[in-house]
Amino acid sequence: MIKTDITPTLEHTAFDFFYAFARFEFCMKEAGYLKSDKPGKKAEPNWDKFVRSNRTRYTLSPDALALLEAGPQQQISTSHGKLAWREIEFDENEFELQAVAILLRAARNNVFHGGKRGNSGWDDVNRTMRILTHGKTVLDELAQFAKFVEYNRG
């Protein structure tokens, strides 16, 4: 997607998604979901730790199902040093929360780092809007589910 294809609505929706994503990761860190708790180490959010702590209590919402169906893809490198896209596949016994967490991060990565060209799915403004809108709602739901009271502040 090139800059001239970004509508004001898409720009606003992307900002809302990024803001919610940043707030959610802030709340994860505040709640102790850190990659390392060693003094002096960088404070990074640990999505896997969050999933392990909550996976058995989580049930998919309609927006989470819609995000799964929209299926943000993953950008990969090929054997020839080129970039390509592939569907994100999950094991049959994958916890639903793990799948949702993976797709939320893929959506964030695709909009922020990749997805600017080479994948017709990300060049489709309507599809991108659906992914970002459902993703934002899922982040809101996860924050409520995890009782992250700081999520809506700031």
Protein backbone atom coordinates (compact mmCIF):
# COMPACT_ATOMS: atom_id res chain seq x y z
CA MET A 1 0.00 0.00 0.00
CA ILE A 2 1.36 3.39 -0.91
CA LYS A 3 0.72 6.55 1.06
CA THR A 4 -1.76 7.98 -1.44
CA ASP A 5 -3.97 4.89 -0.91
CA ILE A 6 -4.28 5.59 2.81
CA THR A 7 -7.63 7.21 3.42
CA PRO A 8 -8.27 9.40 6.46
CA THR A 9 -10.48 6.62 7.84
CA LEU A 10 -7.73 4.02 7.44
CA GLU A 11 -5.20 6.39 8.99
CA HIS A 12 -7.46 6.91 12.02
CA THR A 13 -8.19 3.18 12.32
CA ALA A 14 -4.49 2.30 12.12
CA PHE A 15 -3.67 4.88 14.79
CA ASP A 16 -6.39 3.48 17.08
CA PHE A 17 -5.05 -0.05 16.59
CA PHE A 18 -1.43 0.99 17.27
CA TYR A 19 -2.44 3.00 20.32
CA ALA A 20 -4.45 0.07 21.73
CA PHE A 21 -1.60 -2.33 20.97
CA ALA A 22 0.90 -0.09 22.77
CA ARG A 23 -1.43 0.33 25.76
CA PHE A 24 -1.97 -3.42 25.95
CA GLU A 25 1.76 -4.14 25.94
CA PHE A 26 2.26 -1.43 28.59
CA CYS A 27 -0.37 -3.14 30.75
CA MET A 28 1.24 -6.55 30.24
CA LYS A 29 4.52 -5.16 31.53
CA GLU A 30 2.83 -3.46 34.48
CA ALA A 31 1.12 -6.76 35.35
CA GLY A 32 4.44 -8.63 35.36
CA TYR A 33 4.21 -10.31 31.96
CA LEU A 34 7.88 -9.69 31.20
CA LYS A 35 10.40 -11.61 29.11
CA SER A 36 12.88 -11.21 31.95
CA ASP A 37 12.42 -10.13 35.55
CA LYS A 38 16.15 -9.81 36.19
CA PRO A 39 17.20 -6.38 37.48
CA GLY A 40 18.78 -4.26 34.77
CA LYS A 41 17.25 -6.21 31.89
CA LYS A 42 15.11 -4.48 29.29
CA ALA A 43 11.41 -4.48 30.20
CA GLU A 44 9.77 -6.26 27.26
CA PRO A 45 6.22 -7.61 27.19
CA ASN A 46 5.95 -11.39 27.15
CA TRP A 47 2.93 -12.44 25.10
CA ASP A 48 3.70 -16.13 25.64
CA LYS A 49 3.65 -15.69 29.41
CA PHE A 50 0.34 -13.83 29.12
CA VAL A 51 -1.10 -16.64 27.01
CA ARG A 52 0.14 -19.39 29.36
CA SER A 53 -1.49 -17.63 32.32
CA ASN A 54 -4.85 -17.11 30.63
CA ARG A 55 -5.30 -19.67 27.85
CA THR A 56 -7.65 -22.04 29.67
CA ARG A 57 -10.06 -19.27 30.69
CA TYR A 58 -10.25 -17.53 27.32
CA THR A 59 -13.06 -18.01 24.82
CA LEU A 60 -13.19 -16.50 21.36
CA SER A 61 -15.41 -13.47 20.86
CA PRO A 62 -17.12 -12.68 17.54
CA ASP A 63 -14.35 -10.16 16.78
CA ALA A 64 -11.65 -12.70 17.61
CA LEU A 65 -13.33 -15.18 15.26
CA ALA A 66 -13.47 -12.50 12.56
CA LEU A 67 -9.75 -11.80 13.05
CA LEU A 68 -8.99 -15.52 12.70
CA GLU A 69 -11.09 -15.67 9.53
CA ALA A 70 -9.41 -12.56 8.07
CA GLY A 71 -6.08 -14.27 8.70
CA PRO A 72 -3.31 -11.70 8.58
CA GLN A 73 -0.41 -13.32 6.78
CA GLN A 74 3.21 -13.55 7.81
CA GLN A 75 6.04 -12.06 5.79
CA ILE A 76 8.91 -14.51 5.29
CA SER A 77 12.20 -14.64 3.44
CA THR A 78 12.61 -17.12 0.61
CA SER A 79 15.63 -19.22 -0.30
CA HIS A 80 16.57 -16.55 -2.85
CA GLY A 81 16.68 -13.74 -0.31
CA LYS A 82 13.36 -12.31 -1.48
CA LEU A 83 10.30 -11.59 0.63
CA ALA A 84 7.10 -13.58 0.36
CA TRP A 85 3.85 -14.03 2.27
CA ARG A 86 2.31 -17.13 3.78
CA GLU A 87 -0.73 -18.05 5.77
CA ILE A 88 -0.16 -18.46 9.47
CA GLU A 89 -0.95 -22.05 10.36
CA PHE A 90 -1.90 -23.28 13.80
CA ASP A 91 -1.70 -26.74 15.31
CA GLU A 92 -4.99 -28.52 15.87
CA ASN A 93 -4.47 -28.33 19.61
CA GLU A 94 -3.35 -24.66 19.59
CA PHE A 95 -4.96 -22.66 22.35
CA GLU A 96 -7.35 -20.05 20.95
CA LEU A 97 -5.68 -17.27 22.92
CA GLN A 98 -2.29 -18.20 21.42
CA ALA A 99 -3.71 -17.99 17.89
CA VAL A 100 -5.29 -14.60 18.62
CA ALA A 101 -2.05 -13.28 20.15
CA ILE A 102 -0.07 -14.41 17.11
CA LEU A 103 -2.50 -12.76 14.69
CA LEU A 104 -2.58 -9.49 16.64
CA ARG A 105 1.21 -9.29 16.46
CA ALA A 106 1.19 -10.25 12.77
CA ALA A 107 -1.30 -7.47 12.02
CA ARG A 108 0.86 -4.98 13.93
CA ASN A 109 4.02 -6.14 12.17
CA ASN A 110 2.42 -6.08 8.73
CA VAL A 111 1.15 -2.54 9.04
CA PHE A 112 4.22 -1.18 10.81
CA HIS A 113 7.10 -3.11 9.20
CA GLY A 114 5.78 -4.87 6.14
CA GLY A 115 2.72 -5.13 4.02
CA LYS A 116 3.44 -1.97 2.09
CA ARG A 117 3.75 -3.82 -1.19
CA GLY A 118 3.83 -7.27 -2.64
CA ASN A 119 0.72 -8.65 -0.99
CA SER A 120 -2.62 -7.84 -2.53
CA GLY A 121 -4.28 -8.49 0.84
CA TRP A 122 -2.53 -5.52 2.44
CA ASP A 123 -3.17 -3.40 -0.63
CA ASP A 124 -6.88 -4.07 -0.12
CA VAL A 125 -7.98 -1.15 2.05
CA ASN A 126 -11.25 -2.83 3.07
CA ARG A 127 -9.48 -6.00 4.23
CA THR A 128 -6.89 -3.99 6.13
CA MET A 129 -9.68 -1.99 7.78
CA ARG A 130 -11.41 -5.22 8.86
CA ILE A 131 -8.23 -6.64 10.37
CA LEU A 132 -7.38 -3.42 12.22
CA THR A 133 -10.94 -2.86 13.45
CA HIS A 134 -11.37 -6.42 14.71
CA GLY A 135 -7.85 -6.35 16.14
CA LYS A 136 -8.54 -3.16 18.10
CA THR A 137 -11.76 -4.61 19.50
CA VAL A 138 -9.97 -7.84 20.47
CA LEU A 139 -7.29 -5.83 22.29
CA ASP A 140 -10.05 -3.97 24.16
CA GLU A 141 -11.66 -7.29 25.07
CA LEU A 142 -8.37 -8.84 26.19
CA ALA A 143 -7.62 -5.83 28.38
CA GLN A 144 -11.02 -6.21 30.04
CA PHE A 145 -10.56 -9.99 30.32
CA ALA A 146 -7.16 -9.51 32.01
CA LYS A 147 -8.50 -6.70 34.21
CA PHE A 148 -5.91 -4.23 32.94
CA VAL A 149 -7.35 -1.12 34.60
CA GLU A 150 -4.62 1.14 33.17
CA TYR A 151 -5.55 0.22 29.58
CA ASN A 152 -8.11 2.99 29.14
CA ARG A 153 -6.09 5.64 30.94
CA GLY A 154 -3.65 7.90 29.20
